[in-house]
PDB file of N, CA and C in Angstrom:
ATOM      1  N   MET A   1       0.813  -1.176   0.000  1.00  0.00           N
ATOM      2  CA  MET A   1       0.000   0.000   0.000  1.00  0.00           C
ATOM      3  C   MET A   1       0.867   1.255   0.000  1.00  0.00           C
ATOM      4  N   GLN A   2       1.885   1.246   0.840  1.00  0.00           N
ATOM      5  CA  GLN A   2       2.753   2.424   0.903  1.00  0.00           C
ATOM      6  C   GLN A   2       3.498   2.658  -0.404  1.00  0.00           C
ATOM      7  N   GLN A   3       3.852   1.592  -1.110  1.00  0.00           N
ATOM      8  CA  GLN A   3       4.517   1.775  -2.400  1.00  0.00           C
ATOM      9  C   GLN A   3       3.633   2.573  -3.349  1.00  0.00           C
ATOM     10  N   TRP A   4       2.336   2.290  -3.357  1.00  0.00           N
ATOM     11  CA  TRP A   4       1.410   3.033  -4.208  1.00  0.00           C
ATOM     12  C   TRP A   4       1.288   4.480  -3.738  1.00  0.00           C
ATOM     13  N   GLN A   5       1.326   4.698  -2.444  1.00  0.00           N
ATOM     14  CA  GLN A   5       1.229   6.073  -1.955  1.00  0.00           C
ATOM     15  C   GLN A   5       2.495   6.866  -2.287  1.00  0.00           C
ATOM     16  N   PHE A   6       3.647   6.228  -2.213  1.00  0.00           N
ATOM     17  CA  PHE A   6       4.875   6.901  -2.654  1.00  0.00           C
ATOM     18  C   PHE A   6       4.822   7.145  -4.165  1.00  0.00           C
ATOM     19  N   PHE A   7       4.310   6.182  -4.898  1.00  0.00           N
ATOM     20  CA  PHE A   7       4.144   6.341  -6.338  1.00  0.00           C
ATOM     21  C   PHE A   7       3.278   7.568  -6.628  1.00  0.00           C
ATOM     22  N   GLU A   8       2.197   7.716  -5.886  1.00  0.00           N
ATOM     23  CA  GLU A   8       1.305   8.871  -6.092  1.00  0.00           C
ATOM     24  C   GLU A   8       2.062  10.172  -5.880  1.00  0.00           C
ATOM     25  N   GLN A   9       2.862  10.237  -4.848  1.00  0.00           N
ATOM     26  CA  GLN A   9       3.567  11.471  -4.508  1.00  0.00           C
ATOM     27  C   GLN A   9       4.705  11.819  -5.463  1.00  0.00           C
ATOM     28  N   TYR A  10       5.386  10.810  -5.985  1.00  0.00           N
ATOM     29  CA  TYR A  10       6.593  11.074  -6.763  1.00  0.00           C
ATOM     30  C   TYR A  10       6.492  10.779  -8.261  1.00  0.00           C
ATOM     31  N   SER A  11       5.532   9.956  -8.665  1.00  0.00           N
ATOM     32  CA  SER A  11       5.449   9.562 -10.075  1.00  0.00           C
ATOM     33  C   SER A  11       4.107   9.905 -10.716  1.00  0.00           C
ATOM     34  N   HIS A  12       3.150  10.343  -9.942  1.00  0.00           N
ATOM     35  CA  HIS A  12       1.806  10.616 -10.443  1.00  0.00           C
ATOM     36  C   HIS A  12       1.440  12.087 -10.254  1.00  0.00           C
ATOM     37  N   GLU A  13       1.327  12.511  -9.037  1.00  0.00           N
ATOM     38  CA  GLU A  13       0.886  13.873  -8.710  1.00  0.00           C
ATOM     39  C   GLU A  13       1.745  14.965  -9.353  1.00  0.00           C
ATOM     40  N   PRO A  14       3.065  14.854  -9.372  1.00  0.00           N
ATOM     41  CA  PRO A  14       3.865  15.929  -9.958  1.00  0.00           C
ATOM     42  C   PRO A  14       3.584  16.155 -11.446  1.00  0.00           C
ATOM     43  N   TYR A  15       3.031  15.182 -12.097  1.00  0.00           N
ATOM     44  CA  TYR A  15       2.734  15.300 -13.527  1.00  0.00           C
ATOM     45  C   TYR A  15       1.261  15.593 -13.766  1.00  0.00           C
ATOM     46  N   ILE A  16       0.400  14.749 -13.267  1.00  0.00           N
ATOM     47  CA  ILE A  16      -1.027  14.867 -13.568  1.00  0.00           C
ATOM     48  C   ILE A  16      -1.637  16.075 -12.875  1.00  0.00           C
ATOM     49  N   ALA A  17      -1.361  16.264 -11.612  1.00  0.00           N
ATOM     50  CA  ALA A  17      -1.943  17.404 -10.895  1.00  0.00           C
ATOM     51  C   ALA A  17      -1.400  18.730 -11.414  1.00  0.00           C
ATOM     52  N   VAL A  18      -0.115  18.784 -11.706  1.00  0.00           N
ATOM     53  CA  VAL A  18       0.474  20.038 -12.184  1.00  0.00           C
ATOM     54  C   VAL A  18      -0.049  20.371 -13.585  1.00  0.00           C
ATOM     55  N   ALA A  19      -0.150  19.379 -14.458  1.00  0.00           N
ATOM     56  CA  ALA A  19      -0.718  19.623 -15.795  1.00  0.00           C
ATOM     57  C   ALA A  19      -2.152  20.118 -15.672  1.00  0.00           C
ATOM     58  N   ARG A  20      -2.922  19.527 -14.774  1.00  0.00           N
ATOM     59  CA  ARG A  20      -4.309  19.958 -14.548  1.00  0.00           C
ATOM     60  C   ARG A  20      -4.346  21.396 -14.059  1.00  0.00           C
ATOM     61  N   PHE A  21      -3.480  21.747 -13.124  1.00  0.00           N
ATOM     62  CA  PHE A  21      -3.443  23.106 -12.603  1.00  0.00           C
ATOM     63  C   PHE A  21      -3.143  24.110 -13.716  1.00  0.00           C
ATOM     64  N   ILE A  22      -2.146  23.795 -14.526  1.00  0.00           N
ATOM     65  CA  ILE A  22      -1.764  24.707 -15.604  1.00  0.00           C
ATOM     66  C   ILE A  22      -2.909  24.873 -16.605  1.00  0.00           C
ATOM     67  N   ALA A  23      -3.571  23.779 -16.932  1.00  0.00           N
ATOM     68  CA  ALA A  23      -4.658  23.834 -17.913  1.00  0.00           C
ATOM     69  C   ALA A  23      -5.932  24.441 -17.326  1.00  0.00           C
ATOM     70  N   LYS A  24      -6.376  23.920 -16.211  1.00  0.00           N
ATOM     71  CA  LYS A  24      -7.682  24.307 -15.663  1.00  0.00           C
ATOM     72  C   LYS A  24      -7.663  25.659 -14.959  1.00  0.00           C
ATOM     73  N   TYR A  25      -6.676  25.891 -14.149  1.00  0.00           N
ATOM     74  CA  TYR A  25      -6.684  27.094 -13.326  1.00  0.00           C
ATOM     75  C   TYR A  25      -5.891  28.255 -13.909  1.00  0.00           C
ATOM     76  N   LEU A  26      -4.903  27.953 -14.734  1.00  0.00           N
ATOM     77  CA  LEU A  26      -4.137  29.032 -15.365  1.00  0.00           C
ATOM     78  C   LEU A  26      -4.561  29.276 -16.807  1.00  0.00           C
ATOM     79  N   GLY A  27      -5.313  28.339 -17.382  1.00  0.00           N
ATOM     80  CA  GLY A  27      -5.802  28.512 -18.752  1.00  0.00           C
ATOM     81  C   GLY A  27      -4.751  28.302 -19.829  1.00  0.00           C
ATOM     82  N   LEU A  28      -3.765  27.466 -19.564  1.00  0.00           N
ATOM     83  CA  LEU A  28      -2.680  27.152 -20.508  1.00  0.00           C
ATOM     84  C   LEU A  28      -1.979  28.408 -21.047  1.00  0.00           C
ATOM     85  N   PRO A  29      -1.427  29.216 -20.159  1.00  0.00           N
ATOM     86  CA  PRO A  29      -0.722  30.408 -20.643  1.00  0.00           C
ATOM     87  C   PRO A  29       0.522  30.019 -21.446  1.00  0.00           C
ATOM     88  N   GLN A  30       0.820  30.798 -22.436  1.00  0.00           N
ATOM     89  CA  GLN A  30       1.953  30.510 -23.326  1.00  0.00           C
ATOM     90  C   GLN A  30       3.250  30.309 -22.548  1.00  0.00           C
ATOM     91  N   GLU A  31       3.470  31.085 -21.515  1.00  0.00           N
ATOM     92  CA  GLU A  31       4.724  30.974 -20.755  1.00  0.00           C
ATOM     93  C   GLU A  31       4.817  29.692 -19.933  1.00  0.00           C
ATOM     94  N   ARG A  32       3.726  28.938 -19.817  1.00  0.00           N
ATOM     95  CA  ARG A  32       3.755  27.661 -19.086  1.00  0.00           C
ATOM     96  C   ARG A  32       3.556  26.454 -20.014  1.00  0.00           C
ATOM     97  N   MET A  33       3.454  26.681 -21.320  1.00  0.00           N
ATOM     98  CA  MET A  33       3.190  25.584 -22.260  1.00  0.00           C
ATOM     99  C   MET A  33       4.296  24.538 -22.270  1.00  0.00           C
ATOM    100  N   ALA A  34       5.538  24.948 -22.216  1.00  0.00           N
ATOM    101  CA  ALA A  34       6.639  23.976 -22.224  1.00  0.00           C
ATOM    102  C   ALA A  34       6.563  23.091 -20.979  1.00  0.00           C
ATOM    103  N   GLU A  35       6.269  23.676 -19.846  1.00  0.00           N
ATOM    104  CA  GLU A  35       6.131  22.908 -18.608  1.00  0.00           C
ATOM    105  C   GLU A  35       4.940  21.952 -18.713  1.00  0.00           C
ATOM    106  N   TYR A  36       3.814  22.453 -19.205  1.00  0.00           N
ATOM    107  CA  TYR A  36       2.616  21.632 -19.386  1.00  0.00           C
ATOM    108  C   TYR A  36       2.907  20.430 -20.288  1.00  0.00           C
ATOM    109  N   GLU A  37       3.537  20.685 -21.414  1.00  0.00           N
ATOM    110  CA  GLU A  37       3.854  19.606 -22.355  1.00  0.00           C
ATOM    111  C   GLU A  37       4.843  18.613 -21.751  1.00  0.00           C
ATOM    112  N   ALA A  38       5.775  19.090 -20.946  1.00  0.00           N
ATOM    113  CA  ALA A  38       6.744  18.198 -20.292  1.00  0.00           C
ATOM    114  C   ALA A  38       6.059  17.281 -19.285  1.00  0.00           C
ATOM    115  N   LYS A  39       4.967  17.699 -18.700  1.00  0.00           N
ATOM    116  CA  LYS A  39       4.244  16.890 -17.719  1.00  0.00           C
ATOM    117  C   LYS A  39       3.470  15.740 -18.367  1.00  0.00           C
ATOM    118  N   GLN A  40       3.184  15.846 -19.649  1.00  0.00           N
ATOM    119  CA  GLN A  40       2.381  14.832 -20.325  1.00  0.00           C
ATOM    120  C   GLN A  40       3.063  13.464 -20.337  1.00  0.00           C
ATOM    121  N   SER A  41       4.321  13.416 -20.638  1.00  0.00           N
ATOM    122  CA  SER A  41       5.038  12.136 -20.701  1.00  0.00           C
ATOM    123  C   SER A  41       5.026  11.423 -19.353  1.00  0.00           C
ATOM    124  N   GLY A  42       5.372  12.133 -18.292  1.00  0.00           N
ATOM    125  CA  GLY A  42       5.390  11.535 -16.960  1.00  0.00           C
ATOM    126  C   GLY A  42       4.010  11.090 -16.513  1.00  0.00           C
ATOM    127  N   GLY A  43       2.990  11.874 -16.854  1.00  0.00           N
ATOM    128  CA  GLY A  43       1.628  11.509 -16.499  1.00  0.00           C
ATOM    129  C   GLY A  43       1.181  10.246 -17.208  1.00  0.00           C
ATOM    130  N   HIS A  44       1.525  10.135 -18.482  1.00  0.00           N
ATOM    131  CA  HIS A  44       1.161   8.923 -19.225  1.00  0.00           C
ATOM    132  C   HIS A  44       1.919   7.700 -18.702  1.00  0.00           C
ATOM    133  N   LYS A  45       3.157   7.899 -18.277  1.00  0.00           N
ATOM    134  CA  LYS A  45       3.895   6.782 -17.671  1.00  0.00           C
ATOM    135  C   LYS A  45       3.191   6.300 -16.408  1.00  0.00           C
ATOM    136  N   ALA A  46       2.760   7.238 -15.578  1.00  0.00           N
ATOM    137  CA  ALA A  46       2.067   6.872 -14.336  1.00  0.00           C
ATOM    138  C   ALA A  46       0.757   6.150 -14.645  1.00  0.00           C
ATOM    139  N   LEU A  47       0.006   6.662 -15.602  1.00  0.00           N
ATOM    140  CA  LEU A  47      -1.263   6.020 -15.963  1.00  0.00           C
ATOM    141  C   LEU A  47      -1.027   4.624 -16.535  1.00  0.00           C
ATOM    142  N   ALA A  48       0.058   4.452 -17.277  1.00  0.00           N
ATOM    143  CA  ALA A  48       0.371   3.125 -17.827  1.00  0.00           C
ATOM    144  C   ALA A  48       0.707   2.127 -16.722  1.00  0.00           C
ATOM    145  N   VAL A  49       1.400   2.575 -15.689  1.00  0.00           N
ATOM    146  CA  VAL A  49       1.699   1.701 -14.546  1.00  0.00           C
ATOM    147  C   VAL A  49       0.398   1.281 -13.869  1.00  0.00           C
ATOM    148  N   MET A  50      -0.486   2.238 -13.674  1.00  0.00           N
ATOM    149  CA  MET A  50      -1.777   1.928 -13.056  1.00  0.00           C
ATOM    150  C   MET A  50      -2.587   0.988 -13.938  1.00  0.00           C
ATOM    151  N   GLU A  51      -2.587   1.238 -15.229  1.00  0.00           N
ATOM    152  CA  GLU A  51      -3.324   0.389 -16.176  1.00  0.00           C
ATOM    153  C   GLU A  51      -2.838  -1.051 -16.091  1.00  0.00           C
ATOM    154  N   LYS A  52      -1.534  -1.232 -16.045  1.00  0.00           N
ATOM    155  CA  LYS A  52      -0.977  -2.585 -15.971  1.00  0.00           C
ATOM    156  C   LYS A  52      -1.467  -3.308 -14.720  1.00  0.00           C
ATOM    157  N   GLN A  53      -1.400  -2.640 -13.575  1.00  0.00           N
ATOM    158  CA  GLN A  53      -1.837  -3.266 -12.327  1.00  0.00           C
ATOM    159  C   GLN A  53      -3.337  -3.521 -12.336  1.00  0.00           C
ATOM    160  N   LEU A  54      -4.098  -2.541 -12.781  1.00  0.00           N
ATOM    161  CA  LEU A  54      -5.555  -2.665 -12.739  1.00  0.00           C
ATOM    162  C   LEU A  54      -6.100  -3.617 -13.801  1.00  0.00           C
ATOM    163  N   SER A  55      -5.269  -4.050 -14.711  1.00  0.00           N
ATOM    164  CA  SER A  55      -5.699  -5.074 -15.669  1.00  0.00           C
ATOM    165  C   SER A  55      -5.624  -6.468 -15.044  1.00  0.00           C
ATOM    166  N   THR A  56      -4.991  -6.549 -13.853  1.00  0.00           N
ATOM    167  CA  THR A  56      -4.860  -7.848 -13.174  1.00  0.00           C
ATOM    168  C   THR A  56      -5.667  -7.940 -11.883  1.00  0.00           C
ATOM    169  N   SER A  57      -6.129  -6.806 -11.357  1.00  0.00           N
ATOM    170  CA  SER A  57      -6.923  -6.809 -10.126  1.00  0.00           C
ATOM    171  C   SER A  57      -7.861  -5.598 -10.140  1.00  0.00           C
ATOM    172  N   PRO A  58      -8.987  -5.698  -9.444  1.00  0.00           N
ATOM    173  CA  PRO A  58      -9.949  -4.597  -9.476  1.00  0.00           C
ATOM    174  C   PRO A  58      -9.480  -3.338  -8.746  1.00  0.00           C
ATOM    175  N   TYR A  59      -8.587  -3.504  -7.791  1.00  0.00           N
ATOM    176  CA  TYR A  59      -8.052  -2.366  -7.045  1.00  0.00           C
ATOM    177  C   TYR A  59      -6.530  -2.468  -7.032  1.00  0.00           C
ATOM    178  N   LEU A  60      -5.875  -1.403  -6.668  1.00  0.00           N
ATOM    179  CA  LEU A  60      -4.417  -1.350  -6.778  1.00  0.00           C
ATOM    180  C   LEU A  60      -3.696  -2.390  -5.932  1.00  0.00           C
ATOM    181  N   THR A  61      -4.253  -2.728  -4.782  1.00  0.00           N
ATOM    182  CA  THR A  61      -3.587  -3.712  -3.928  1.00  0.00           C
ATOM    183  C   THR A  61      -4.302  -5.054  -3.926  1.00  0.00           C
ATOM    184  N   GLY A  62      -5.225  -5.258  -4.828  1.00  0.00           N
ATOM    185  CA  GLY A  62      -5.913  -6.543  -4.901  1.00  0.00           C
ATOM    186  C   GLY A  62      -7.402  -6.418  -5.109  1.00  0.00           C
ATOM    187  N   TYR A  63      -8.169  -7.040  -4.224  1.00  0.00           N
ATOM    188  CA  TYR A  63      -9.614  -7.155  -4.419  1.00  0.00           C
ATOM    189  C   TYR A  63     -10.439  -6.279  -3.496  1.00  0.00           C
ATOM    190  N   CYS A  64      -9.782  -5.430  -2.705  1.00  0.00           N
ATOM    191  CA  CYS A  64     -10.496  -4.532  -1.795  1.00  0.00           C
ATOM    192  C   CYS A  64      -9.999  -3.110  -1.992  1.00  0.00           C
ATOM    193  N   LEU A  65     -10.897  -2.178  -1.894  1.00  0.00           N
ATOM    194  CA  LEU A  65     -10.553  -0.763  -1.913  1.00  0.00           C
ATOM    195  C   LEU A  65      -9.637  -0.460  -0.727  1.00  0.00           C
ATOM    196  N   SER A  66      -8.584   0.320  -0.971  1.00  0.00           N
ATOM    197  CA  SER A  66      -7.646   0.661   0.097  1.00  0.00           C
ATOM    198  C   SER A  66      -7.280   2.137   0.013  1.00  0.00           C
ATOM    199  N   THR A  67      -6.491   2.582   0.970  1.00  0.00           N
ATOM    200  CA  THR A  67      -6.033   3.969   0.923  1.00  0.00           C
ATOM    201  C   THR A  67      -5.134   4.231  -0.291  1.00  0.00           C
ATOM    202  N   ALA A  68      -4.544   3.199  -0.837  1.00  0.00           N
ATOM    203  CA  ALA A  68      -3.760   3.363  -2.074  1.00  0.00           C
ATOM    204  C   ALA A  68      -4.685   3.832  -3.200  1.00  0.00           C
ATOM    205  N   ASP A  69      -5.854   3.214  -3.311  1.00  0.00           N
ATOM    206  CA  ASP A  69      -6.819   3.610  -4.335  1.00  0.00           C
ATOM    207  C   ASP A  69      -7.318   5.032  -4.095  1.00  0.00           C
ATOM    208  N   ILE A  70      -7.617   5.339  -2.860  1.00  0.00           N
ATOM    209  CA  ILE A  70      -8.120   6.672  -2.539  1.00  0.00           C
ATOM    210  C   ILE A  70      -7.068   7.725  -2.869  1.00  0.00           C
ATOM    211  N   SER A  71      -5.814   7.447  -2.534  1.00  0.00           N
ATOM    212  CA  SER A  71      -4.727   8.383  -2.823  1.00  0.00           C
ATOM    213  C   SER A  71      -4.594   8.656  -4.315  1.00  0.00           C
ATOM    214  N   LEU A  72      -4.648   7.610  -5.101  1.00  0.00           N
ATOM    215  CA  LEU A  72      -4.445   7.773  -6.541  1.00  0.00           C
ATOM    216  C   LEU A  72      -5.705   8.201  -7.286  1.00  0.00           C
ATOM    217  N   TYR A  73      -6.842   7.923  -6.730  1.00  0.00           N
ATOM    218  CA  TYR A  73      -8.090   8.313  -7.373  1.00  0.00           C
ATOM    219  C   TYR A  73      -8.208   9.834  -7.506  1.00  0.00           C
ATOM    220  N   GLY A  74      -7.797  10.554  -6.476  1.00  0.00           N
ATOM    221  CA  GLY A  74      -7.995  11.999  -6.406  1.00  0.00           C
ATOM    222  C   GLY A  74      -7.689  12.738  -7.697  1.00  0.00           C
ATOM    223  N   TYR A  75      -6.489  12.620  -8.198  1.00  0.00           N
ATOM    224  CA  TYR A  75      -6.143  13.324  -9.427  1.00  0.00           C
ATOM    225  C   TYR A  75      -6.359  12.483 -10.675  1.00  0.00           C
ATOM    226  N   THR A  76      -6.457  11.169 -10.530  1.00  0.00           N
ATOM    227  CA  THR A  76      -6.675  10.346 -11.718  1.00  0.00           C
ATOM    228  C   THR A  76      -8.049  10.605 -12.323  1.00  0.00           C
ATOM    229  N   HIS A  77      -9.076  10.729 -11.493  1.00  0.00           N
ATOM    230  CA  HIS A  77     -10.417  10.885 -12.056  1.00  0.00           C
ATOM    231  C   HIS A  77     -10.644  12.246 -12.719  1.00  0.00           C
ATOM    232  N   VAL A  78      -9.738  13.181 -12.511  1.00  0.00           N
ATOM    233  CA  VAL A  78      -9.826  14.471 -13.193  1.00  0.00           C
ATOM    234  C   VAL A  78      -8.622  14.700 -14.117  1.00  0.00           C
ATOM    235  N   ALA A  79      -7.907  13.642 -14.429  1.00  0.00           N
ATOM    236  CA  ALA A  79      -6.705  13.755 -15.269  1.00  0.00           C
ATOM    237  C   ALA A  79      -7.015  14.327 -16.648  1.00  0.00           C
ATOM    238  N   HIS A  80      -8.223  14.080 -17.132  1.00  0.00           N
ATOM    239  CA  HIS A  80      -8.609  14.635 -18.444  1.00  0.00           C
ATOM    240  C   HIS A  80      -8.522  16.165 -18.446  1.00  0.00           C
ATOM    241  N   GLU A  81      -8.691  16.783 -17.284  1.00  0.00           N
ATOM    242  CA  GLU A  81      -8.591  18.238 -17.186  1.00  0.00           C
ATOM    243  C   GLU A  81      -7.148  18.716 -17.350  1.00  0.00           C
ATOM    244  N   GLY A  82      -6.206  17.794 -17.308  1.00  0.00           N
ATOM    245  CA  GLY A  82      -4.804  18.108 -17.526  1.00  0.00           C
ATOM    246  C   GLY A  82      -4.322  17.632 -18.886  1.00  0.00           C
ATOM    247  N   GLY A  83      -5.264  17.228 -19.739  1.00  0.00           N
ATOM    248  CA  GLY A  83      -4.915  16.829 -21.097  1.00  0.00           C
ATOM    249  C   GLY A  83      -4.660  15.350 -21.286  1.00  0.00           C
ATOM    250  N   PHE A  84      -4.987  14.526 -20.307  1.00  0.00           N
ATOM    251  CA  PHE A  84      -4.751  13.082 -20.392  1.00  0.00           C
ATOM    252  C   PHE A  84      -6.042  12.389 -20.827  1.00  0.00           C
ATOM    253  N   ASP A  85      -5.984  11.702 -21.945  1.00  0.00           N
ATOM    254  CA  ASP A  85      -7.154  10.985 -22.456  1.00  0.00           C
ATOM    255  C   ASP A  85      -7.238   9.633 -21.761  1.00  0.00           C
ATOM    256  N   LEU A  86      -8.152   9.530 -20.824  1.00  0.00           N
ATOM    257  CA  LEU A  86      -8.268   8.289 -20.058  1.00  0.00           C
ATOM    258  C   LEU A  86      -8.858   7.149 -20.869  1.00  0.00           C
ATOM    259  N   ASN A  87      -9.400   7.436 -22.038  1.00  0.00           N
ATOM    260  CA  ASN A  87      -9.884   6.354 -22.905  1.00  0.00           C
ATOM    261  C   ASN A  87      -8.750   5.434 -23.336  1.00  0.00           C
ATOM    262  N   GLU A  88      -7.525   5.895 -23.226  1.00  0.00           N
ATOM    263  CA  GLU A  88      -6.354   5.071 -23.545  1.00  0.00           C
ATOM    264  C   GLU A  88      -6.075   4.043 -22.442  1.00  0.00           C
ATOM    265  N   TYR A  89      -6.787   4.155 -21.327  1.00  0.00           N
ATOM    266  CA  TYR A  89      -6.541   3.324 -20.156  1.00  0.00           C
ATOM    267  C   TYR A  89      -7.857   2.702 -19.670  1.00  0.00           C
ATOM    268  N   PRO A  90      -8.352   1.680 -20.371  1.00  0.00           N
ATOM    269  CA  PRO A  90      -9.671   1.115 -20.023  1.00  0.00           C
ATOM    270  C   PRO A  90      -9.743   0.516 -18.624  1.00  0.00           C
ATOM    271  N   SER A  91      -8.670  -0.054 -18.146  1.00  0.00           N
ATOM    272  CA  SER A  91      -8.699  -0.618 -16.786  1.00  0.00           C
ATOM    273  C   SER A  91      -8.753   0.487 -15.742  1.00  0.00           C
ATOM    274  N   VAL A  92      -8.098   1.591 -16.018  1.00  0.00           N
ATOM    275  CA  VAL A  92      -8.165   2.746 -15.115  1.00  0.00           C
ATOM    276  C   VAL A  92      -9.589   3.295 -15.108  1.00  0.00           C
ATOM    277  N   LEU A  93     -10.208   3.405 -16.277  1.00  0.00           N
ATOM    278  CA  LEU A  93     -11.588   3.892 -16.328  1.00  0.00           C
ATOM    279  C   LEU A  93     -12.542   2.971 -15.572  1.00  0.00           C
ATOM    280  N   ALA A  94     -12.362   1.676 -15.712  1.00  0.00           N
ATOM    281  CA  ALA A  94     -13.212   0.726 -14.981  1.00  0.00           C
ATOM    282  C   ALA A  94     -13.009   0.884 -13.476  1.00  0.00           C
ATOM    283  N   TRP A  95     -11.771   1.078 -13.053  1.00  0.00           N
ATOM    284  CA  TRP A  95     -11.440   1.297 -11.643  1.00  0.00           C
ATOM    285  C   TRP A  95     -12.108   2.565 -11.122  1.00  0.00           C
ATOM    286  N   ILE A  96     -12.061   3.636 -11.904  1.00  0.00           N
ATOM    287  CA  ILE A  96     -12.734   4.877 -11.529  1.00  0.00           C
ATOM    288  C   ILE A  96     -14.221   4.603 -11.316  1.00  0.00           C
ATOM    289  N   GLY A  97     -14.819   3.844 -12.227  1.00  0.00           N
ATOM    290  CA  GLY A  97     -16.227   3.496 -12.093  1.00  0.00           C
ATOM    291  C   GLY A  97     -16.515   2.709 -10.821  1.00  0.00           C
ATOM    292  N   ARG A  98     -15.642   1.781 -10.487  1.00  0.00           N
ATOM    293  CA  ARG A  98     -15.831   1.000  -9.253  1.00  0.00           C
ATOM    294  C   ARG A  98     -15.772   1.902  -8.014  1.00  0.00           C
ATOM    295  N   ILE A  99     -14.859   2.826  -8.027  1.00  0.00           N
ATOM    296  CA  ILE A  99     -14.734   3.730  -6.885  1.00  0.00           C
ATOM    297  C   ILE A  99     -15.961   4.633  -6.785  1.00  0.00           C
ATOM    298  N   GLN A 100     -16.429   5.127  -7.910  1.00  0.00           N
ATOM    299  CA  GLN A 100     -17.584   6.017  -7.891  1.00  0.00           C
ATOM    300  C   GLN A 100     -18.865   5.312  -7.438  1.00  0.00           C
ATOM    301  N   LYS A 101     -18.880   4.003  -7.487  1.00  0.00           N
ATOM    302  CA  LYS A 101     -20.041   3.243  -7.021  1.00  0.00           C
ATOM    303  C   LYS A 101     -19.987   2.935  -5.523  1.00  0.00           C
ATOM    304  N   GLN A 102     -18.914   3.346  -4.874  1.00  0.00           N
ATOM    305  CA  GLN A 102     -18.792   3.099  -3.435  1.00  0.00           C
ATOM    306  C   GLN A 102     -19.849   3.893  -2.675  1.00  0.00           C
ATOM    307  N   GLN A 103     -20.337   3.313  -1.604  1.00  0.00           N
ATOM    308  CA  GLN A 103     -21.317   3.975  -0.762  1.00  0.00           C
ATOM    309  C   GLN A 103     -20.737   5.285  -0.217  1.00  0.00           C
ATOM    310  N   LYS A 104     -21.498   6.333  -0.240  1.00  0.00           N
ATOM    311  CA  LYS A 104     -21.137   7.661   0.266  1.00  0.00           C
ATOM    312  C   LYS A 104     -20.010   8.329  -0.526  1.00  0.00           C
ATOM    313  N   TYR A 105     -19.845   7.929  -1.782  1.00  0.00           N
ATOM    314  CA  TYR A 105     -18.827   8.519  -2.650  1.00  0.00           C
ATOM    315  C   TYR A 105     -19.115  10.013  -2.875  1.00  0.00           C
ATOM    316  N   ILE A 106     -18.071  10.835  -2.781  1.00  0.00           N
ATOM    317  CA  ILE A 106     -18.146  12.240  -3.179  1.00  0.00           C
ATOM    318  C   ILE A 106     -16.842  12.546  -3.907  1.00  0.00           C
ATOM    319  N   GLY A 107     -16.930  12.935  -5.157  1.00  0.00           N
ATOM    320  CA  GLY A 107     -15.747  13.237  -5.947  1.00  0.00           C
ATOM    321  C   GLY A 107     -15.391  14.717  -5.924  1.00  0.00           C
ATOM    322  N   MET A 108     -14.157  15.029  -6.320  1.00  0.00           N
ATOM    323  CA  MET A 108     -13.701  16.421  -6.359  1.00  0.00           C
ATOM    324  C   MET A 108     -14.575  17.270  -7.271  1.00  0.00           C
ATOM    325  N   VAL A 109     -15.026  16.708  -8.364  1.00  0.00           N
ATOM    326  CA  VAL A 109     -15.846  17.450  -9.318  1.00  0.00           C
ATOM    327  C   VAL A 109     -17.156  17.861  -8.659  1.00  0.00           C
ATOM    328  N   GLN A 110     -17.698  17.002  -7.815  1.00  0.00           N
ATOM    329  CA  GLN A 110     -18.971  17.296  -7.161  1.00  0.00           C
ATOM    330  C   GLN A 110     -18.874  18.425  -6.148  1.00  0.00           C
ATOM    331  N   VAL A 111     -17.713  18.639  -5.594  1.00  0.00           N
ATOM    332  CA  VAL A 111     -17.550  19.711  -4.623  1.00  0.00           C
ATOM    333  C   VAL A 111     -16.849  20.926  -5.240  1.00  0.00           C
ATOM    334  N   GLY A 112     -16.596  20.882  -6.533  1.00  0.00           N
ATOM    335  CA  GLY A 112     -16.078  22.030  -7.249  1.00  0.00           C
ATOM    336  C   GLY A 112     -14.601  22.297  -7.115  1.00  0.00           C
ATOM    337  N   ILE A 113     -13.813  21.271  -6.811  1.00  0.00           N
ATOM    338  CA  ILE A 113     -12.365  21.476  -6.678  1.00  0.00           C
ATOM    339  C   ILE A 113     -11.715  21.295  -8.024  1.00  0.00           C
TER     340      ILE A 113
END
């Protein structure tokens, strides 16, 4: 579980969350385009790692939802706002759907973050 949480902090969030911030909140200003484009490669690498794992199990650590899933779900479910086409990652999309079906689910989009 901790490996996935470290992965989120060092291999996922720095790319996907930052690309989302530049696109959604800054409006892709020309002076940040090189940084935005540089984040795309790292973000796709992170999504590919998740896709590989989620093609073998319904959740990141196996068959039960864990804090690893919650940690990575946060920015993954809004990754499209950072320019990442999640249709390229069908297992990730299915995982997002499983999480959204959890009892008492509230996503970032629903609270306007």
